[in-house]
Every structure is written in structure tokens, then in C-alpha cells.
Protein backbone atom coordinates (compact mmCIF):
# COMPACT_ATOMS: atom_id res chain seq x y z
CA MET A 1 97.71 56.61 3.09
CA THR A 2 97.76 56.80 6.60
CA THR A 3 97.93 53.83 8.95
CA PRO A 4 96.12 54.08 12.00
CA PRO A 5 97.82 52.85 15.11
CA THR A 6 97.94 49.57 16.29
CA VAL A 7 95.36 48.72 18.98
CA GLY A 8 94.56 45.24 20.63
CA PRO A 9 91.77 43.21 19.90
CA ALA A 10 89.70 44.72 23.22
CA ASN A 11 89.85 48.45 21.70
CA THR A 12 89.27 47.84 17.92
CA ALA A 13 85.86 49.81 17.94
CA ILE A 14 84.41 53.22 18.34
CA ARG A 15 80.94 52.38 20.31
CA PRO A 16 78.44 54.72 21.65
CA SER A 17 78.25 54.85 25.70
CA TRP A 18 75.17 53.54 27.30
CA GLU A 19 73.73 57.18 27.59
CA GLN A 20 74.19 57.64 23.81
CA LEU A 21 72.34 54.95 22.94
CA PRO A 22 68.50 55.71 22.14
CA ALA A 23 66.24 55.92 25.20
CA SER A 24 64.09 53.90 23.07
CA LEU A 25 66.49 51.33 22.81
CA ARG A 26 67.77 51.55 26.76
CA GLU A 27 63.90 51.42 27.80
CA GLY A 28 63.40 48.30 25.84
CA LEU A 29 66.10 46.43 27.04
CA ALA A 30 65.26 46.78 30.45
CA ASP A 31 61.53 45.94 29.77
CA LEU A 32 62.95 42.71 28.48
CA LEU A 33 65.64 42.01 30.99
CA GLY A 34 64.71 44.17 34.00
CA GLU A 35 66.72 47.46 35.35
CA VAL A 36 70.11 48.02 34.25
CA ALA A 37 72.55 49.04 37.11
CA PHE A 38 75.46 49.11 35.21
CA ALA A 39 76.61 49.01 31.15
CA GLU A 40 80.48 47.89 30.61
CA VAL A 41 80.73 48.95 26.95
CA GLN A 42 83.17 46.85 24.72
CA GLY A 43 85.75 47.83 22.43
CA GLY A 44 86.76 44.87 20.53
CA GLY A 45 85.45 43.97 17.20
CA PHE A 46 84.98 45.86 14.21
CA THR A 47 81.31 47.24 14.12
CA PRO A 48 79.69 50.00 15.44
CA GLY A 49 76.45 49.90 17.87
CA LEU A 50 75.81 48.17 20.51
CA ALA A 51 78.26 46.24 22.66
CA ALA A 52 78.19 45.96 26.42
CA ARG A 53 78.24 43.64 29.41
CA LEU A 54 75.16 44.66 31.37
CA GLN A 55 74.79 44.25 35.24
CA LEU A 56 71.12 43.91 36.13
CA ALA A 57 69.65 44.93 39.50
CA ASP A 58 68.88 41.74 40.33
CA GLY A 59 72.18 40.59 40.35
CA GLN A 60 72.24 38.82 36.97
CA ARG A 61 74.75 39.76 34.26
CA VAL A 62 74.55 39.24 30.38
CA PHE A 63 76.13 40.86 27.26
CA ALA A 64 74.09 42.84 24.65
CA LYS A 65 74.95 43.58 21.34
CA GLY A 66 72.87 45.22 18.31
CA ILE A 67 72.76 47.43 15.33
CA PRO A 68 70.43 49.55 13.69
CA THR A 69 68.22 47.94 11.17
CA GLU A 70 69.03 50.27 8.24
CA HIS A 71 72.62 49.57 9.02
CA PRO A 72 74.59 47.48 6.09
CA LEU A 73 75.39 45.07 8.73
CA ALA A 74 72.17 44.33 10.14
CA GLY A 75 71.70 41.08 8.24
CA LYS A 76 75.05 39.90 9.59
CA TYR A 77 73.48 40.26 12.84
CA ARG A 78 70.75 38.22 12.32
CA ASP A 79 72.80 35.40 10.79
CA ASP A 80 74.90 35.62 13.99
CA ALA A 81 71.64 34.77 16.00
CA VAL A 82 70.39 32.14 13.80
CA THR A 83 73.55 30.35 14.23
CA THR A 84 74.02 30.62 17.79
CA ARG A 85 70.80 29.26 18.13
CA LEU A 86 71.53 26.04 16.72
CA LEU A 87 75.07 25.42 18.24
CA PRO A 88 74.97 22.13 20.31
CA ALA A 89 75.37 22.68 24.06
CA THR A 90 78.78 21.57 23.73
CA ALA A 91 79.73 24.31 21.22
CA PRO A 92 82.60 26.71 22.72
CA ALA A 93 80.15 29.59 22.44
CA PRO A 94 78.17 31.39 24.69
CA ARG A 95 74.12 31.13 24.98
CA LEU A 96 71.64 33.12 23.12
CA ARG A 97 69.30 34.11 25.51
CA TRP A 98 66.86 36.29 23.51
CA ASP A 99 67.01 37.77 20.11
CA GLY A 100 64.78 40.22 17.92
CA ASP A 101 63.98 43.83 17.06
CA ILE A 102 63.80 46.51 19.84
CA GLY A 103 62.59 49.89 18.03
CA ASP A 104 65.08 50.08 14.70
CA TRP A 105 67.56 48.04 16.72
CA VAL A 106 68.52 44.27 15.98
CA VAL A 107 69.30 43.15 18.99
CA LEU A 108 71.19 39.75 20.74
CA VAL A 109 71.20 38.96 24.49
CA LEU A 110 73.77 36.30 25.26
CA ASP A 111 75.31 35.10 28.32
CA ASP A 112 77.96 37.27 29.74
CA LEU A 113 81.41 35.22 29.60
CA ASP A 114 83.73 36.04 32.72
CA ALA A 115 86.91 35.86 30.05
CA ARG A 116 89.01 37.94 28.17
CA HIS A 117 90.49 38.31 24.56
CA ALA A 118 93.06 35.64 23.56
CA ASP A 119 96.80 36.55 23.62
CA LEU A 120 98.17 34.67 20.91
CA SER A 121 101.79 36.31 21.06
CA ALA A 122 104.51 33.62 21.14
CA GLY A 123 105.05 31.90 24.14
CA SER A 124 101.54 32.90 25.65
CA PRO A 125 99.81 30.00 27.20
CA ASP A 126 96.84 30.91 25.74
CA VAL A 127 97.79 29.46 22.53
CA PRO A 128 97.74 25.66 23.11
CA ARG A 129 94.33 26.27 24.37
CA VAL A 130 92.85 28.10 21.45
CA ILE A 131 94.29 25.69 19.13
CA ALA A 132 92.48 22.86 20.94
CA THR A 133 89.41 24.49 21.12
CA VAL A 134 89.53 25.64 17.42
CA ALA A 135 90.77 22.37 16.38
CA GLY A 136 88.08 20.41 18.48
CA LEU A 137 84.98 22.64 16.57
CA ALA A 138 84.70 19.61 14.03
CA ASP A 139 84.16 17.07 16.41
CA VAL A 140 81.13 19.22 17.98
CA LEU A 141 79.98 20.84 14.67
CA THR A 142 79.76 17.90 12.00
CA PRO A 143 77.14 17.34 10.75
CA CYS A 144 76.60 21.10 10.10
CA PRO A 145 73.85 21.68 12.52
CA SER A 146 72.50 24.68 10.36
CA ALA A 147 70.60 23.72 7.31
CA SER A 148 70.67 27.55 5.91
CA ALA A 149 74.66 27.69 6.03
CA ALA A 150 76.03 28.46 2.51
CA PRO A 151 78.45 26.05 0.90
CA ALA A 152 81.70 27.65 2.14
CA GLU A 153 83.02 26.95 -1.56
CA ILE A 154 80.58 29.25 -2.73
CA ASP A 155 80.40 31.88 0.28
CA LEU A 156 83.76 32.30 0.73
CA ALA A 157 84.85 32.63 -2.92
CA GLU A 158 82.62 35.82 -2.80
CA PHE A 159 85.06 37.58 -0.91
CA VAL A 160 88.22 35.42 -0.37
CA HIS A 161 90.25 36.83 -3.29
CA GLY A 162 91.99 40.19 -4.35
CA TRP A 163 94.98 39.54 -6.48
CA HIS A 164 93.14 39.09 -9.73
CA GLU A 165 91.38 42.82 -8.61
CA LEU A 166 94.78 44.34 -8.18
CA ALA A 167 96.48 42.81 -10.65
CA GLU A 168 94.12 44.43 -13.48
CA ALA A 169 95.23 48.07 -11.82
CA PRO A 170 98.13 47.36 -9.80
CA PRO A 171 98.35 50.62 -7.24
CA ALA A 172 101.35 52.73 -7.40
CA ASP A 173 102.56 51.77 -3.89
CA LEU A 174 102.09 48.15 -3.92
CA PRO A 175 105.31 46.71 -2.41
CA GLU A 176 108.00 45.09 -4.75
CA TRP A 177 107.27 41.50 -3.60
CA GLN A 178 103.96 41.51 -4.29
CA ARG A 179 104.07 43.60 -7.77
CA ARG A 180 106.84 40.77 -9.16
CA HIS A 181 104.55 37.95 -8.14
CA LEU A 182 101.10 39.52 -8.95
CA ASP A 183 100.26 37.46 -11.69
CA ALA A 184 101.43 34.19 -10.12
CA LEU A 185 99.27 35.29 -6.86
CA ALA A 186 96.28 35.58 -9.11
CA ASP A 187 96.90 32.37 -10.50
CA LEU A 188 97.42 30.62 -7.34
CA GLU A 189 94.64 32.34 -5.10
CA THR A 190 91.58 29.90 -6.41
CA GLY A 191 92.96 26.79 -6.15
CA TRP A 192 91.50 25.80 -2.65
CA LEU A 193 87.96 26.37 -3.31
CA ALA A 194 87.01 22.68 -4.45
CA ALA A 195 88.48 21.63 -1.00
CA ALA A 196 86.64 23.78 1.41
CA ALA A 197 83.40 21.91 0.32
CA GLY A 198 82.51 19.48 3.68
CA GLU A 199 79.64 19.03 6.23
CA THR A 200 81.31 20.94 8.82
CA LEU A 201 79.63 23.95 10.25
CA VAL A 202 82.50 26.87 9.92
CA HIS A 203 82.81 29.75 11.86
CA GLY A 204 84.46 31.82 9.28
CA ASP A 205 85.94 34.63 11.26
CA VAL A 206 88.44 33.02 13.79
CA ASN A 207 90.67 35.86 15.12
CA ALA A 208 91.81 37.09 18.18
CA SER A 209 89.06 39.70 18.60
CA ASN A 210 86.59 36.59 18.16
CA LEU A 211 88.46 34.34 20.71
CA LEU A 212 87.90 34.77 24.95
CA VAL A 213 89.64 33.09 27.05
CA GLY A 214 88.22 32.02 30.53
CA ALA A 215 89.24 30.39 33.35
CA ALA A 216 88.66 26.99 32.31
CA ASP A 217 87.03 27.22 28.76
CA VAL A 218 88.28 29.19 25.38
CA TYR A 219 84.88 30.49 23.76
CA LEU A 220 84.71 31.58 19.71
CA ILE A 221 82.26 34.47 19.63
CA ASP A 222 80.49 36.28 16.58
CA TRP A 223 78.98 33.73 14.68
CA ALA A 224 78.26 35.98 11.84
CA GLN A 225 79.84 34.51 8.75
CA PRO A 226 79.21 30.74 9.05
CA ALA A 227 79.38 28.18 6.46
CA ARG A 228 79.20 24.76 5.66
CA GLY A 229 82.50 23.51 4.78
CA ALA A 230 85.74 21.75 5.27
CA ALA A 231 86.94 21.21 8.91
CA TRP A 232 90.39 22.30 7.79
CA LEU A 233 89.37 25.99 7.40
CA ASP A 234 88.88 27.43 10.65
CA VAL A 235 92.23 26.00 12.01
CA THR A 236 93.89 27.21 9.31
CA ASP A 237 92.57 30.44 9.62
CA LEU A 238 94.79 30.92 13.01
CA VAL A 239 97.57 30.90 11.24
CA PRO A 240 97.82 34.73 10.02
CA HIS A 241 96.79 35.85 13.32
CA LEU A 242 99.44 33.52 14.92
CA ILE A 243 101.61 35.54 12.46
CA LEU A 244 100.06 39.03 13.27
CA ALA A 245 100.97 38.50 16.73
CA GLY A 246 104.57 37.85 16.36
CA HIS A 247 105.36 34.23 15.46
CA THR A 248 107.41 33.55 12.47
CA PRO A 249 105.43 31.82 9.58
CA ALA A 250 107.45 28.30 10.47
CA ALA A 251 106.61 28.42 14.12
CA ALA A 252 103.07 29.74 13.59
CA GLU A 253 102.60 26.19 11.48
CA GLU A 254 104.67 24.48 13.90
CA THR A 255 101.68 25.08 16.86
CA LEU A 256 99.31 23.05 14.47
CA ILE A 257 101.37 20.13 14.32
CA ASP A 258 99.40 17.74 16.30
CA VAL A 259 96.18 18.85 14.89
CA PRO A 260 94.90 16.08 12.71
CA ILE A 261 92.90 18.08 10.30
CA TRP A 262 95.73 20.41 9.80
CA ARG A 263 98.32 17.53 9.02
CA SER A 264 96.22 15.58 6.71
CA ALA A 265 94.80 18.97 4.79
CA ASP A 266 96.66 19.03 0.99
CA PRO A 267 99.83 21.58 1.28
CA ALA A 268 98.64 23.24 -1.91
CA VAL A 269 95.50 23.83 -0.59
CA ILE A 270 96.73 25.32 2.47
CA THR A 271 99.16 27.67 0.08
CA SER A 272 96.27 28.54 -1.86
CA TYR A 273 94.12 29.54 0.89
CA ALA A 274 97.01 31.63 2.56
CA THR A 275 97.52 33.55 -0.98
CA ALA A 276 93.35 34.14 -1.48
CA PHE A 277 93.53 35.38 2.10
CA ALA A 278 96.39 37.72 1.66
CA GLY A 279 94.65 39.31 -1.41
CA TYR A 280 91.51 39.79 0.15
CA TRP A 281 93.18 41.52 3.41
CA GLU A 282 95.35 43.67 0.38
CA ARG A 283 92.48 44.43 -1.47
CA SER A 284 90.35 45.14 1.57
CA SER A 285 92.94 47.55 3.24
CA ARG A 286 92.83 49.79 0.26
CA GLN A 287 89.17 50.80 0.51
CA PRO A 288 87.71 53.67 2.23
CA ALA A 289 87.57 53.02 6.05
CA PRO A 290 83.69 52.54 6.44
CA PRO A 291 81.58 55.21 9.37
CA ASP A 292 82.74 54.88 12.77
CA VAL A 293 85.26 52.14 12.26
CA PRO A 294 88.90 53.97 11.77
CA TYR A 295 90.78 50.89 12.86
CA LEU A 296 89.76 48.41 10.24
CA ARG A 297 91.59 49.05 7.08
CA GLY A 298 94.90 49.56 9.35
CA HIS A 299 94.24 46.04 10.84
CA GLN A 300 93.53 44.60 7.42
CA ALA A 301 96.96 46.17 6.07
CA ARG A 302 98.87 44.59 8.94
CA ALA A 303 96.91 41.40 8.21
CA ALA A 304 97.78 41.42 4.69
CA ARG A 305 101.72 41.92 5.47
CA ALA A 306 101.44 38.33 8.19
CA ALA A 307 99.62 36.81 5.66
CA ILE A 308 101.83 37.77 2.66
CA ALA A 309 105.10 36.24 4.86
CA TRP A 310 103.21 33.39 5.07
CA VAL A 311 102.38 32.74 1.48
CA ALA A 312 106.22 33.64 1.05
CA TYR A 313 107.48 31.21 3.42
CA ARG A 314 105.17 28.19 1.85
CA THR A 315 106.22 28.95 -1.82
CA GLY A 316 109.81 29.92 -1.31
CA TRP A 317 109.20 32.69 -3.71
CA ALA A 318 112.11 35.56 -3.39
């Protein structure tokens, strides 16, 4: 299996240039927003389609993203719009200006943020700012402002797993540690589900590509995987991404030591959740790459290694 090269969160997608987009889409955006003087295509994320910072002729700047209506992810773009529209003004997220269909494209137009992707590496000044922002989500998103958000214990159960499937047909190249503990990993990966229930709006996809750091604020973007669940979920999602960025498992957990929702979480639940995400990434990394998203499976393979290191640390399994 060939692993794509490691790329940063700002350069993970292959997107069409502004000129390569359908003329009907460009004209529709101009009718909606005014003349587009300059378009800066963004390379972050793991979806194809439109993602561009637009400089308008009148001097305004906006961010536009979209995908063809027949694309399998079109529904996620609509979910993103619905959720973003419901976020309170105090939520650390860009404001949704417009959403709808332009021809055969689903399109969202949001405030353009003067910000960059977060650096989660050890020693980065971004890390405490990111943690404070993500840890504070529950303060502004409880009770859940979305009546349509699915319960986390049901929604996440549909995909956050993998060891059961891998145990049924172990891949020949499964590393020795995973192979040795495969049955135990499969047993462990469902124990967190009951504890995922709650009344907080959960982002559900907290990672470096969805965290933007500005001069004064940190923002969470792409609210396409919302759920109604426990407050500990989003902040816990940071741990494997901190490990992926170079922290040891112990150091990654230490960054959360002052976060009350982390400290009060049941350790057995956290271990089970870590195991489930490790299984999800290990399983997903072995699937064929989606069209026009060549870096996704490589990213998932690296995320799996980070999460497995976290599980090994928490379980003490040799």
C-alpha cells in the first residue's frame, strides 16, 4: 500500500481553480455577491469542490464553498449550513451569510476570517488557545441549539468503530501490536457510547484543518458533522491530533489537565473512545481513496498510528 506524502492541514485537498469552476456557478456567485475581483482557492480539508476566499470589487471579502448537488457529500454541506445558521453569536465560528443552490451546486457563503490553520505541535502558542476555545464550546452550545442534531450515541455509533470489522478478516499487513490485541480492542471499542449522550451541540470533527487561529480569536469551521451529546467529546477529540502533531500521549493529555470536562470524564470511557477512533481510522485508511481526495487515506493511516499510541499508553498493553 503506497502512502501519500505527509501534507499540512492547509494543503490536503485538490480543488479546481476559479477558472475551472462552471461558468454558471461563477456567474451565479457574481449575481449574488457582486463582481469577484480575485479568488484565492483554499487547499485545506478533505473534500473536492469549491473553497475560496473571494475579494469582491466593492472591497468586501467573503468565503465561499460548495459541491455539486449529486456528490455524496452534498448532504453534509447542507448540514453544515443548517448548523452554522443556528450557532449563537458567541460561538467561535464564522457567520453564515447565505446558503442555497446555484444551478447544480450546493453553496455556502460565510464571513472571511483573517486567520490561519492552527499549529498543534509541541510548544506552539496556538495549543493553549485552541484548548481554551474548544473547552469553552459547551458553555455556549448547551443546551443544544439544533433540534435536528442526532443523538451522539446513535450518530457516532454508525462510523466510530473498526476493530470488530478488522477482527473478522484481519489484514495481512496489520501491525503486530494490533494483531496481538485485536479481540481486546474489539471488545473495548463500544463501551463509551452510553456516556456520549448529552445536551451539548457537538462539532464532531475537531482537528487541525477545522481550527483557524486569528490575532484575537480561534475559530472552529465546517460544522457538517453535528450531534447532540456529551460536553467531553469535542475536547477529547483534540488528543489524537495533538499526538499526530508530535506530542507524546502523556504530554497530549497533560495539555488538558486544567479542563474541567476532561478531568471529570470517566477514564474507562475515554479509553474506550480512543480505541473506537483508532479502529475507525485504521479501518478507513484501508479503503480506496475517494475521487480527487488523494491525501485522505494517508492522513487516516497517520491518525490511526497516533490514536493507537494513545490507546497503548492508556491501557498499558505491551
